[in-house]
Amino acid sequence: MYEILIDAFAAGKRLDSFLADSDLDLTRSRIQKLIEDGYISVGQKKVKSNYKLKERDVVTIEIPEPKETQIEAEEIPLDVVYEDECMLVVNKPQGMVVHPAAGNYNGTLVNALMAHCGDNLSGINGEIRPGILHRIDKDTSGLLMVAKNDAAHLGLSSQIKEHSLTREYLALVHGRIKEDEGTIDAPIGRDEKDRKKMTITQKNSKNAVTHFFVLERFEKYTFVRCRLETGRTHQIRVHMSKRGNPIVGDAVYGRKKEEFKLNGQLLHAYLIGFLHPVTNEYMEFSKEIPEYFEEVLAKLRGRMN
């Protein structure tokens, strides 16, 4: 059970909106369901999602025990980069979905984690996403943090909210970028014409900042390292596409014709750094690009020689 004392800054905000922006890392829809079911109250009284907070209100949050679902543990090989009693860091392969969704309840990272960790996964994000703190796209590979208990979940998710994590990606993009480095500062929100896509927009958006650094140039491509200052959905893919350098293999934001036979974008979350939620020690892990990514780079280097 968690309690939050409302200060003058938060007064006047809707309860569900305030909690969605808090360190709990709960979706607004899940917050609204918890409020409706009486797991979130104000002054020990049941309220509605649109309740306007007052200064010195005490918000009580109880996260119910995860319910049994049809999601089953599956003995899927996991590339565990680090693990201790409260968390782990895993290297997700390209093609694997992070958590189950309608019509897709098998073969996900969560299925694999359930087999690996048993009941030792945080329940804050609900029974569909046990242990999941953040995501990377199905067709993006790379490092993810996973929480084994709620305390670790809160400690790590607060760093995500504060943008204090170190998160770097490696990508191959179309075009030969002239500058050695640059920053893209452009807000990202849902595309009104296609709700499955994100876009740069001032409407219903959140600020998004990506720093990029050129590692290697080829005739028609550039190998870059991208550092996230924020972590919005599809952030690197949207930012690089909008500047005219879409990621190679990106079927959504990239080019229709690709010369390489790829199953997804050449984007890899290769480095992650954070403060350990218990020891407060800074930890940093990296993972080299997958073989299919390296093979494309080798072909391009061969052309240059």
C-alpha atoms as a PDB file:
ATOM      1  CA  MET A   1       0.000   0.000   0.000  1.00  0.00           C
ATOM      2  CA  TYR A   2       1.293   3.469  -0.905  1.00  0.00           C
ATOM      3  CA  GLU A   3       0.241   6.904   0.351  1.00  0.00           C
ATOM      4  CA  ILE A   4       0.809  10.253  -1.362  1.00  0.00           C
ATOM      5  CA  LEU A   5       0.314  13.602   0.385  1.00  0.00           C
ATOM      6  CA  ILE A   6      -0.934  16.175  -2.121  1.00  0.00           C
ATOM      7  CA  ASP A   7       0.958  19.469  -2.138  1.00  0.00           C
ATOM      8  CA  ALA A   8      -0.061  22.862  -3.511  1.00  0.00           C
ATOM      9  CA  PHE A   9       1.490  22.104  -6.911  1.00  0.00           C
ATOM     10  CA  ALA A  10      -0.711  19.025  -7.443  1.00  0.00           C
ATOM     11  CA  ALA A  11      -3.892  20.604  -6.062  1.00  0.00           C
ATOM     12  CA  GLY A  12      -6.575  21.068  -8.676  1.00  0.00           C
ATOM     13  CA  LYS A  13      -5.434  18.189 -10.873  1.00  0.00           C
ATOM     14  CA  ARG A  14      -7.639  15.212 -11.715  1.00  0.00           C
ATOM     15  CA  LEU A  15      -6.827  12.161  -9.628  1.00  0.00           C
ATOM     16  CA  ASP A  16      -6.304   9.842 -12.616  1.00  0.00           C
ATOM     17  CA  SER A  17      -4.210  12.406 -14.492  1.00  0.00           C
ATOM     18  CA  PHE A  18      -2.008  13.092 -11.466  1.00  0.00           C
ATOM     19  CA  LEU A  19      -1.334   9.387 -10.871  1.00  0.00           C
ATOM     20  CA  ALA A  20      -0.662   8.715 -14.563  1.00  0.00           C
ATOM     21  CA  ASP A  21       2.170  11.256 -14.379  1.00  0.00           C
ATOM     22  CA  SER A  22       3.526   9.884 -11.096  1.00  0.00           C
ATOM     23  CA  ASP A  23       6.312   7.362 -10.462  1.00  0.00           C
ATOM     24  CA  LEU A  24       3.852   4.465 -10.207  1.00  0.00           C
ATOM     25  CA  ASP A  25       4.269   3.772 -13.933  1.00  0.00           C
ATOM     26  CA  LEU A  26       0.624   2.770 -14.327  1.00  0.00           C
ATOM     27  CA  THR A  27      -1.353   3.435 -17.478  1.00  0.00           C
ATOM     28  CA  ARG A  28      -4.244   5.861 -17.136  1.00  0.00           C
ATOM     29  CA  SER A  29      -6.739   3.135 -18.061  1.00  0.00           C
ATOM     30  CA  ARG A  30      -5.370   0.844 -15.329  1.00  0.00           C
ATOM     31  CA  ILE A  31      -5.489   3.702 -12.811  1.00  0.00           C
ATOM     32  CA  GLN A  32      -9.127   4.367 -13.693  1.00  0.00           C
ATOM     33  CA  LYS A  33      -9.933   0.668 -13.225  1.00  0.00           C
ATOM     34  CA  LEU A  34      -8.205   0.631  -9.820  1.00  0.00           C
ATOM     35  CA  ILE A  35     -10.150   3.739  -8.765  1.00  0.00           C
ATOM     36  CA  GLU A  36     -13.420   2.180  -9.952  1.00  0.00           C
ATOM     37  CA  ASP A  37     -12.678  -1.013  -8.021  1.00  0.00           C
ATOM     38  CA  GLY A  38     -11.855   0.916  -4.832  1.00  0.00           C
ATOM     39  CA  TYR A  39      -8.111   0.211  -4.749  1.00  0.00           C
ATOM     40  CA  ILE A  40      -7.322   3.929  -4.951  1.00  0.00           C
ATOM     41  CA  SER A  41      -9.021   6.272  -2.505  1.00  0.00           C
ATOM     42  CA  VAL A  42      -8.686   9.799  -1.124  1.00  0.00           C
ATOM     43  CA  GLY A  43      -8.889  10.222   2.635  1.00  0.00           C
ATOM     44  CA  GLN A  44      -9.983   6.570   2.874  1.00  0.00           C
ATOM     45  CA  LYS A  45     -13.068   7.442   0.803  1.00  0.00           C
ATOM     46  CA  LYS A  46     -13.981   6.099  -2.606  1.00  0.00           C
ATOM     47  CA  VAL A  47     -13.866   8.774  -5.306  1.00  0.00           C
ATOM     48  CA  LYS A  48     -14.183   8.988  -9.071  1.00  0.00           C
ATOM     49  CA  SER A  49     -11.363   9.301 -11.604  1.00  0.00           C
ATOM     50  CA  ASN A  50     -12.199  12.938 -12.268  1.00  0.00           C
ATOM     51  CA  TYR A  51     -11.945  13.923  -8.591  1.00  0.00           C
ATOM     52  CA  LYS A  52     -10.080  17.246  -8.273  1.00  0.00           C
ATOM     53  CA  LEU A  53      -7.292  16.937  -5.738  1.00  0.00           C
ATOM     54  CA  LYS A  54      -6.996  19.347  -2.830  1.00  0.00           C
ATOM     55  CA  GLU A  55      -3.897  20.364  -0.944  1.00  0.00           C
ATOM     56  CA  ARG A  56      -3.184  17.976   1.979  1.00  0.00           C
ATOM     57  CA  ASP A  57      -5.383  15.235   0.505  1.00  0.00           C
ATOM     58  CA  VAL A  58      -3.950  11.779   1.211  1.00  0.00           C
ATOM     59  CA  VAL A  59      -4.200   9.424  -1.747  1.00  0.00           C
ATOM     60  CA  THR A  60      -4.019   5.740  -0.816  1.00  0.00           C
ATOM     61  CA  ILE A  61      -3.028   3.233  -3.482  1.00  0.00           C
ATOM     62  CA  GLU A  62      -3.307  -0.506  -3.071  1.00  0.00           C
ATOM     63  CA  ILE A  63      -2.029  -2.727  -5.866  1.00  0.00           C
ATOM     64  CA  PRO A  64      -4.092  -5.937  -5.899  1.00  0.00           C
ATOM     65  CA  GLU A  65      -2.416  -9.288  -6.202  1.00  0.00           C
ATOM     66  CA  PRO A  66      -2.126 -10.339  -9.861  1.00  0.00           C
ATOM     67  CA  LYS A  67      -4.976 -12.573 -10.942  1.00  0.00           C
ATOM     68  CA  GLU A  68      -4.449 -15.877 -12.620  1.00  0.00           C
ATOM     69  CA  THR A  69      -4.711 -15.533 -16.364  1.00  0.00           C
ATOM     70  CA  GLN A  70      -4.343 -17.691 -19.414  1.00  0.00           C
ATOM     71  CA  ILE A  71      -0.804 -16.434 -19.869  1.00  0.00           C
ATOM     72  CA  GLU A  72       1.482 -19.393 -19.409  1.00  0.00           C
ATOM     73  CA  ALA A  73       5.135 -19.685 -18.582  1.00  0.00           C
ATOM     74  CA  GLU A  74       7.125 -20.867 -21.571  1.00  0.00           C
ATOM     75  CA  GLU A  75      10.635 -22.264 -21.611  1.00  0.00           C
ATOM     76  CA  ILE A  76      11.937 -19.762 -24.142  1.00  0.00           C
ATOM     77  CA  PRO A  77      15.713 -19.125 -24.026  1.00  0.00           C
ATOM     78  CA  LEU A  78      16.540 -15.804 -22.386  1.00  0.00           C
ATOM     79  CA  ASP A  79      19.749 -13.840 -22.840  1.00  0.00           C
ATOM     80  CA  VAL A  80      20.174 -12.616 -19.262  1.00  0.00           C
ATOM     81  CA  VAL A  81      22.874  -9.964 -19.031  1.00  0.00           C
ATOM     82  CA  TYR A  82      22.474  -9.322 -15.284  1.00  0.00           C
ATOM     83  CA  GLU A  83      20.334 -10.715 -12.475  1.00  0.00           C
ATOM     84  CA  ASP A  84      20.010 -10.388  -8.718  1.00  0.00           C
ATOM     85  CA  GLU A  85      17.252 -10.874  -6.129  1.00  0.00           C
ATOM     86  CA  CYS A  86      15.253  -7.803  -7.162  1.00  0.00           C
ATOM     87  CA  MET A  87      15.828  -7.218 -10.880  1.00  0.00           C
ATOM     88  CA  LEU A  88      17.366  -8.408 -14.109  1.00  0.00           C
ATOM     89  CA  VAL A  89      18.541  -7.021 -17.434  1.00  0.00           C
ATOM     90  CA  VAL A  90      17.739  -9.067 -20.525  1.00  0.00           C
ATOM     91  CA  ASN A  91      18.701  -8.790 -24.190  1.00  0.00           C
ATOM     92  CA  LYS A  92      15.489  -9.087 -26.209  1.00  0.00           C
ATOM     93  CA  PRO A  93      15.872 -10.540 -29.702  1.00  0.00           C
ATOM     94  CA  GLN A  94      14.320  -8.941 -32.769  1.00  0.00           C
ATOM     95  CA  GLY A  95      10.885 -10.390 -33.494  1.00  0.00           C
ATOM     96  CA  MET A  96       9.882 -10.983 -29.862  1.00  0.00           C
ATOM     97  CA  VAL A  97       6.924  -9.048 -28.420  1.00  0.00           C
ATOM     98  CA  VAL A  98       7.548  -7.728 -24.895  1.00  0.00           C
ATOM     99  CA  HIS A  99       4.175  -8.531 -23.303  1.00  0.00           C
ATOM    100  CA  PRO A 100       0.978 -10.366 -24.291  1.00  0.00           C
ATOM    101  CA  ALA A 101      -1.919  -8.580 -25.961  1.00  0.00           C
ATOM    102  CA  ALA A 102      -5.217  -9.602 -27.475  1.00  0.00           C
ATOM    103  CA  GLY A 103      -4.663 -12.471 -29.886  1.00  0.00           C
ATOM    104  CA  ASN A 104      -1.006 -12.778 -28.928  1.00  0.00           C
ATOM    105  CA  TYR A 105      -0.585 -14.552 -25.601  1.00  0.00           C
ATOM    106  CA  ASN A 106       2.360 -16.796 -26.410  1.00  0.00           C
ATOM    107  CA  GLY A 107       6.008 -16.429 -27.292  1.00  0.00           C
ATOM    108  CA  THR A 108       6.443 -13.064 -25.571  1.00  0.00           C
ATOM    109  CA  LEU A 109       9.181 -11.879 -23.255  1.00  0.00           C
ATOM    110  CA  VAL A 110       6.683 -12.103 -20.376  1.00  0.00           C
ATOM    111  CA  ASN A 111       6.042 -15.798 -21.128  1.00  0.00           C
ATOM    112  CA  ALA A 112       9.785 -16.388 -20.986  1.00  0.00           C
ATOM    113  CA  LEU A 113      10.200 -14.335 -17.794  1.00  0.00           C
ATOM    114  CA  MET A 114       7.432 -16.267 -16.060  1.00  0.00           C
ATOM    115  CA  ALA A 115       9.310 -19.495 -16.694  1.00  0.00           C
ATOM    116  CA  HIS A 116      12.629 -17.996 -15.635  1.00  0.00           C
ATOM    117  CA  CYS A 117      11.474 -16.092 -12.530  1.00  0.00           C
ATOM    118  CA  GLY A 118       8.375 -17.990 -11.422  1.00  0.00           C
ATOM    119  CA  ASP A 119       6.308 -15.786  -9.102  1.00  0.00           C
ATOM    120  CA  ASN A 120       9.180 -13.368  -8.565  1.00  0.00           C
ATOM    121  CA  LEU A 121       7.978 -10.541 -10.794  1.00  0.00           C
ATOM    122  CA  SER A 122       6.500  -7.189  -9.776  1.00  0.00           C
ATOM    123  CA  GLY A 123       2.730  -6.856 -10.030  1.00  0.00           C
ATOM    124  CA  ILE A 124       2.377  -3.082 -10.400  1.00  0.00           C
ATOM    125  CA  ASN A 125       1.705  -3.213 -14.130  1.00  0.00           C
ATOM    126  CA  GLY A 126      -0.922  -5.936 -13.777  1.00  0.00           C
ATOM    127  CA  GLU A 127      -1.173  -9.564 -14.709  1.00  0.00           C
ATOM    128  CA  ILE A 128      -0.498  -8.965 -18.400  1.00  0.00           C
ATOM    129  CA  ARG A 129       2.804  -7.166 -17.830  1.00  0.00           C
ATOM    130  CA  PRO A 130       4.442  -8.634 -14.704  1.00  0.00           C
ATOM    131  CA  GLY A 131       7.882  -7.162 -14.124  1.00  0.00           C
ATOM    132  CA  ILE A 132       7.768  -4.954 -17.202  1.00  0.00           C
ATOM    133  CA  LEU A 133       9.111  -1.433 -16.652  1.00  0.00           C
ATOM    134  CA  HIS A 134       9.566  -0.250 -20.220  1.00  0.00           C
ATOM    135  CA  ARG A 135       9.356  -1.646 -23.715  1.00  0.00           C
ATOM    136  CA  ILE A 136      11.163  -1.765 -27.012  1.00  0.00           C
ATOM    137  CA  ASP A 137       9.387  -2.534 -30.258  1.00  0.00           C
ATOM    138  CA  LYS A 138       8.903  -6.085 -31.476  1.00  0.00           C
ATOM    139  CA  ASP A 139      11.342  -5.577 -34.352  1.00  0.00           C
ATOM    140  CA  THR A 140      13.938  -3.753 -32.261  1.00  0.00           C
ATOM    141  CA  SER A 141      16.509  -5.784 -30.346  1.00  0.00           C
ATOM    142  CA  GLY A 142      18.341  -4.952 -27.156  1.00  0.00           C
ATOM    143  CA  LEU A 143      18.453  -4.396 -23.428  1.00  0.00           C
ATOM    144  CA  LEU A 144      15.487  -4.127 -21.073  1.00  0.00           C
ATOM    145  CA  MET A 145      15.242  -3.852 -17.274  1.00  0.00           C
ATOM    146  CA  VAL A 146      12.798  -6.153 -15.457  1.00  0.00           C
ATOM    147  CA  ALA A 147      11.618  -5.757 -11.835  1.00  0.00           C
ATOM    148  CA  LYS A 148      11.160  -8.774  -9.565  1.00  0.00           C
ATOM    149  CA  ASN A 149       9.259  -6.916  -6.853  1.00  0.00           C
ATOM    150  CA  ASP A 150       7.180  -3.761  -6.433  1.00  0.00           C
ATOM    151  CA  ALA A 151       9.862  -1.843  -4.510  1.00  0.00           C
ATOM    152  CA  ALA A 152      12.371  -2.363  -7.319  1.00  0.00           C
ATOM    153  CA  HIS A 153       9.691  -1.468  -9.846  1.00  0.00           C
ATOM    154  CA  LEU A 154       8.989   1.873  -8.152  1.00  0.00           C
ATOM    155  CA  GLY A 155      12.696   2.664  -7.784  1.00  0.00           C
ATOM    156  CA  LEU A 156      13.495   1.978 -11.424  1.00  0.00           C
ATOM    157  CA  SER A 157      10.315   3.482 -12.889  1.00  0.00           C
ATOM    158  CA  SER A 158      11.027   6.751 -11.064  1.00  0.00           C
ATOM    159  CA  GLN A 159      14.310   6.950 -12.984  1.00  0.00           C
ATOM    160  CA  ILE A 160      12.411   6.398 -16.219  1.00  0.00           C
ATOM    161  CA  LYS A 161      10.002   9.211 -15.318  1.00  0.00           C
ATOM    162  CA  GLU A 162      12.888  11.534 -14.419  1.00  0.00           C
ATOM    163  CA  HIS A 163      14.781  10.653 -17.636  1.00  0.00           C
ATOM    164  CA  SER A 164      17.856   9.881 -15.530  1.00  0.00           C
ATOM    165  CA  LEU A 165      18.598   6.532 -17.186  1.00  0.00           C
ATOM    166  CA  THR A 166      21.400   6.170 -19.697  1.00  0.00           C
ATOM    167  CA  ARG A 167      19.878   4.605 -22.819  1.00  0.00           C
ATOM    168  CA  GLU A 168      21.780   4.333 -26.066  1.00  0.00           C
ATOM    169  CA  TYR A 169      20.905   2.650 -29.349  1.00  0.00           C
ATOM    170  CA  LEU A 170      22.823   1.711 -32.469  1.00  0.00           C
ATOM    171  CA  ALA A 171      21.103   2.204 -35.820  1.00  0.00           C
ATOM    172  CA  LEU A 172      21.785   2.120 -39.532  1.00  0.00           C
ATOM    173  CA  VAL A 173      19.934   4.907 -41.314  1.00  0.00           C
ATOM    174  CA  HIS A 174      19.378   5.905 -44.913  1.00  0.00           C
ATOM    175  CA  GLY A 175      21.433   8.792 -46.253  1.00  0.00           C
ATOM    176  CA  ARG A 176      24.942  10.041 -45.621  1.00  0.00           C
ATOM    177  CA  ILE A 177      24.762  12.374 -42.630  1.00  0.00           C
ATOM    178  CA  LYS A 178      27.298  15.200 -42.973  1.00  0.00           C
ATOM    179  CA  GLU A 179      27.459  16.472 -39.389  1.00  0.00           C
ATOM    180  CA  ASP A 180      29.292  14.380 -36.789  1.00  0.00           C
ATOM    181  CA  GLU A 181      26.548  14.785 -34.193  1.00  0.00           C
ATOM    182  CA  GLY A 182      23.258  16.503 -33.621  1.00  0.00           C
ATOM    183  CA  THR A 183      20.158  16.823 -31.452  1.00  0.00           C
ATOM    184  CA  ILE A 184      16.533  16.369 -32.485  1.00  0.00           C
ATOM    185  CA  ASP A 185      14.169  18.189 -30.140  1.00  0.00           C
ATOM    186  CA  ALA A 186      10.618  17.665 -31.405  1.00  0.00           C
ATOM    187  CA  PRO A 187       7.463  16.631 -29.502  1.00  0.00           C
ATOM    188  CA  ILE A 188       5.894  13.274 -30.333  1.00  0.00           C
ATOM    189  CA  GLY A 189       2.228  12.315 -30.202  1.00  0.00           C
ATOM    190  CA  ARG A 190      -0.245   9.916 -31.776  1.00  0.00           C
ATOM    191  CA  ASP A 191      -0.794  10.367 -35.515  1.00  0.00           C
ATOM    192  CA  GLU A 192      -4.429  11.449 -35.934  1.00  0.00           C
ATOM    193  CA  LYS A 193      -4.657   9.894 -39.404  1.00  0.00           C
ATOM    194  CA  ASP A 194      -3.176   6.545 -38.355  1.00  0.00           C
ATOM    195  CA  ARG A 195      -3.561   5.742 -34.653  1.00  0.00           C
ATOM    196  CA  LYS A 196      -0.972   2.954 -34.873  1.00  0.00           C
ATOM    197  CA  LYS A 197       1.724   5.475 -35.739  1.00  0.00           C
ATOM    198  CA  MET A 198       3.425   8.269 -33.850  1.00  0.00           C
ATOM    199  CA  THR A 199       4.400  11.598 -35.363  1.00  0.00           C
ATOM    200  CA  ILE A 200       5.970  14.943 -34.576  1.00  0.00           C
ATOM    201  CA  THR A 201       3.123  17.210 -33.494  1.00  0.00           C
ATOM    202  CA  GLN A 202       2.262  19.976 -31.053  1.00  0.00           C
ATOM    203  CA  LYS A 203      -1.174  18.468 -30.360  1.00  0.00           C
ATOM    204  CA  ASN A 204      -1.565  16.015 -27.457  1.00  0.00           C
ATOM    205  CA  SER A 205       2.165  15.346 -27.524  1.00  0.00           C
ATOM    206  CA  LYS A 206       5.071  15.021 -25.119  1.00  0.00           C
ATOM    207  CA  ASN A 207       8.510  16.568 -25.463  1.00  0.00           C
ATOM    208  CA  ALA A 208      11.052  14.247 -27.039  1.00  0.00           C
ATOM    209  CA  VAL A 209      14.812  14.706 -27.368  1.00  0.00           C
ATOM    210  CA  THR A 210      17.236  12.429 -29.217  1.00  0.00           C
ATOM    211  CA  HIS A 211      20.988  12.993 -29.528  1.00  0.00           C
ATOM    212  CA  PHE A 212      22.785  11.247 -32.386  1.00  0.00           C
ATOM    213  CA  PHE A 213      26.471  10.642 -33.097  1.00  0.00           C
ATOM    214  CA  VAL A 214      27.912   9.407 -36.400  1.00  0.00           C
ATOM    215  CA  LEU A 215      30.020   6.262 -36.031  1.00  0.00           C
ATOM    216  CA  GLU A 216      30.594   5.343 -39.662  1.00  0.00           C
ATOM    217  CA  ARG A 217      29.607   6.690 -43.071  1.00  0.00           C
ATOM    218  CA  PHE A 218      28.880   4.713 -46.216  1.00  0.00           C
ATOM    219  CA  GLU A 219      27.878   5.855 -49.697  1.00  0.00           C
ATOM    220  CA  LYS A 220      24.118   5.823 -49.057  1.00  0.00           C
ATOM    221  CA  TYR A 221      23.904   4.970 -45.361  1.00  0.00           C
ATOM    222  CA  THR A 222      25.168   6.129 -41.960  1.00  0.00           C
ATOM    223  CA  PHE A 223      25.834   4.035 -38.845  1.00  0.00           C
ATOM    224  CA  VAL A 224      24.827   6.088 -35.799  1.00  0.00           C
ATOM    225  CA  ARG A 225      24.640   5.941 -32.020  1.00  0.00           C
ATOM    226  CA  CYS A 226      21.517   7.534 -30.538  1.00  0.00           C
ATOM    227  CA  ARG A 227      21.190   8.610 -26.914  1.00  0.00           C
ATOM    228  CA  LEU A 228      17.698   9.108 -25.523  1.00  0.00           C
ATOM    229  CA  GLU A 229      17.060  12.090 -23.298  1.00  0.00           C
ATOM    230  CA  THR A 230      13.383  11.102 -23.188  1.00  0.00           C
ATOM    231  CA  GLY A 231      11.764   7.761 -23.976  1.00  0.00           C
ATOM    232  CA  ARG A 232       8.670   8.197 -26.115  1.00  0.00           C
ATOM    233  CA  THR A 233       7.014   5.479 -28.181  1.00  0.00           C
ATOM    234  CA  HIS A 234       8.929   4.961 -31.462  1.00  0.00           C
ATOM    235  CA  GLN A 235      11.045   8.007 -30.589  1.00  0.00           C
ATOM    236  CA  ILE A 236      14.238   7.257 -32.527  1.00  0.00           C
ATOM    237  CA  ARG A 237      12.311   5.846 -35.481  1.00  0.00           C
ATOM    238  CA  VAL A 238      10.108   8.953 -35.743  1.00  0.00           C
ATOM    239  CA  HIS A 239      12.895  11.469 -35.159  1.00  0.00           C
ATOM    240  CA  MET A 240      15.324   9.972 -37.662  1.00  0.00           C
ATOM    241  CA  SER A 241      12.593   9.533 -40.261  1.00  0.00           C
ATOM    242  CA  LYS A 242      11.424  13.142 -39.951  1.00  0.00           C
ATOM    243  CA  ARG A 243      14.953  14.458 -40.482  1.00  0.00           C
ATOM    244  CA  GLY A 244      15.177  12.448 -43.710  1.00  0.00           C
ATOM    245  CA  ASN A 245      17.233   9.554 -42.366  1.00  0.00           C
ATOM    246  CA  PRO A 246      14.791   6.703 -41.667  1.00  0.00           C
ATOM    247  CA  ILE A 247      16.130   3.547 -40.093  1.00  0.00           C
ATOM    248  CA  VAL A 248      16.959   0.778 -42.552  1.00  0.00           C
ATOM    249  CA  GLY A 249      14.328  -1.969 -42.456  1.00  0.00           C
ATOM    250  CA  ASP A 250      11.649   0.147 -40.748  1.00  0.00           C
ATOM    251  CA  ALA A 251       8.411  -0.903 -42.447  1.00  0.00           C
ATOM    252  CA  VAL A 252       6.350   1.813 -40.723  1.00  0.00           C
ATOM    253  CA  TYR A 253       8.479   4.962 -40.862  1.00  0.00           C
ATOM    254  CA  GLY A 254      11.066   3.897 -43.418  1.00  0.00           C
ATOM    255  CA  ARG A 255      11.284   3.399 -47.151  1.00  0.00           C
ATOM    256  CA  LYS A 256       9.119   0.962 -49.060  1.00  0.00           C
ATOM    257  CA  LYS A 257      12.027  -0.447 -51.080  1.00  0.00           C
ATOM    258  CA  GLU A 258      15.001  -1.859 -49.176  1.00  0.00           C
ATOM    259  CA  GLU A 259      18.005  -3.575 -50.715  1.00  0.00           C
ATOM    260  CA  PHE A 260      18.599  -5.833 -47.711  1.00  0.00           C
ATOM    261  CA  LYS A 261      16.270  -8.725 -46.885  1.00  0.00           C
ATOM    262  CA  LEU A 262      15.410  -7.795 -43.310  1.00  0.00           C
ATOM    263  CA  ASN A 263      12.706  -8.844 -40.846  1.00  0.00           C
ATOM    264  CA  GLY A 264      12.677  -5.520 -39.040  1.00  0.00           C
ATOM    265  CA  GLN A 265      14.577  -2.292 -38.479  1.00  0.00           C
ATOM    266  CA  LEU A 266      18.310  -2.178 -37.819  1.00  0.00           C
ATOM    267  CA  LEU A 267      17.888  -0.627 -34.393  1.00  0.00           C
ATOM    268  CA  HIS A 268      19.495  -2.123 -31.288  1.00  0.00           C
ATOM    269  CA  ALA A 269      19.232  -0.943 -27.654  1.00  0.00           C
ATOM    270  CA  TYR A 270      22.876  -1.645 -26.912  1.00  0.00           C
ATOM    271  CA  LEU A 271      23.486   0.202 -23.624  1.00  0.00           C
ATOM    272  CA  ILE A 272      21.527   0.890 -20.462  1.00  0.00           C
ATOM    273  CA  GLY A 273      22.682   2.527 -17.235  1.00  0.00           C
ATOM    274  CA  PHE A 274      20.773   3.106 -13.986  1.00  0.00           C
ATOM    275  CA  LEU A 275      21.015   3.388 -10.205  1.00  0.00           C
ATOM    276  CA  HIS A 276      20.360   0.041  -8.576  1.00  0.00           C
ATOM    277  CA  PRO A 277      16.992   0.310  -6.751  1.00  0.00           C
ATOM    278  CA  VAL A 278      18.428  -1.123  -3.504  1.00  0.00           C
ATOM    279  CA  THR A 279      22.145  -0.273  -3.357  1.00  0.00           C
ATOM    280  CA  ASN A 280      21.852   3.024  -5.297  1.00  0.00           C
ATOM    281  CA  GLU A 281      25.038   1.982  -7.118  1.00  0.00           C
ATOM    282  CA  TYR A 282      25.308   3.118 -10.743  1.00  0.00           C
ATOM    283  CA  MET A 283      25.302   0.105 -13.059  1.00  0.00           C
ATOM    284  CA  GLU A 284      25.787   0.036 -16.809  1.00  0.00           C
ATOM    285  CA  PHE A 285      25.450  -2.810 -19.287  1.00  0.00           C
ATOM    286  CA  SER A 286      25.976  -3.118 -23.017  1.00  0.00           C
ATOM    287  CA  LYS A 287      25.343  -5.760 -25.658  1.00  0.00           C
ATOM    288  CA  GLU A 288      26.829  -5.936 -29.123  1.00  0.00           C
ATOM    289  CA  ILE A 289      24.629  -5.717 -32.215  1.00  0.00           C
ATOM    290  CA  PRO A 290      23.063  -8.990 -33.417  1.00  0.00           C
ATOM    291  CA  GLU A 291      24.618 -11.012 -36.231  1.00  0.00           C
ATOM    292  CA  TYR A 292      22.157  -9.954 -38.968  1.00  0.00           C
ATOM    293  CA  PHE A 293      22.960  -6.284 -38.202  1.00  0.00           C
ATOM    294  CA  GLU A 294      26.702  -6.939 -38.316  1.00  0.00           C
ATOM    295  CA  GLU A 295      26.340  -8.752 -41.651  1.00  0.00           C
ATOM    296  CA  VAL A 296      24.764  -5.675 -43.270  1.00  0.00           C
ATOM    297  CA  LEU A 297      27.578  -3.464 -41.963  1.00  0.00           C
ATOM    298  CA  ALA A 298      30.151  -5.957 -43.293  1.00  0.00           C
ATOM    299  CA  LYS A 299      28.579  -5.774 -46.771  1.00  0.00           C
ATOM    300  CA  LEU A 300      28.680  -1.992 -46.718  1.00  0.00           C
ATOM    301  CA  ARG A 301      32.309  -1.952 -45.540  1.00  0.00           C
ATOM    302  CA  GLY A 302      33.176  -4.364 -48.329  1.00  0.00           C
ATOM    303  CA  ARG A 303      31.815  -1.914 -50.887  1.00  0.00           C
ATOM    304  CA  MET A 304      34.000   0.854 -49.474  1.00  0.00           C
ATOM    305  CA  ASN A 305      37.196  -1.179 -49.904  1.00  0.00           C
END
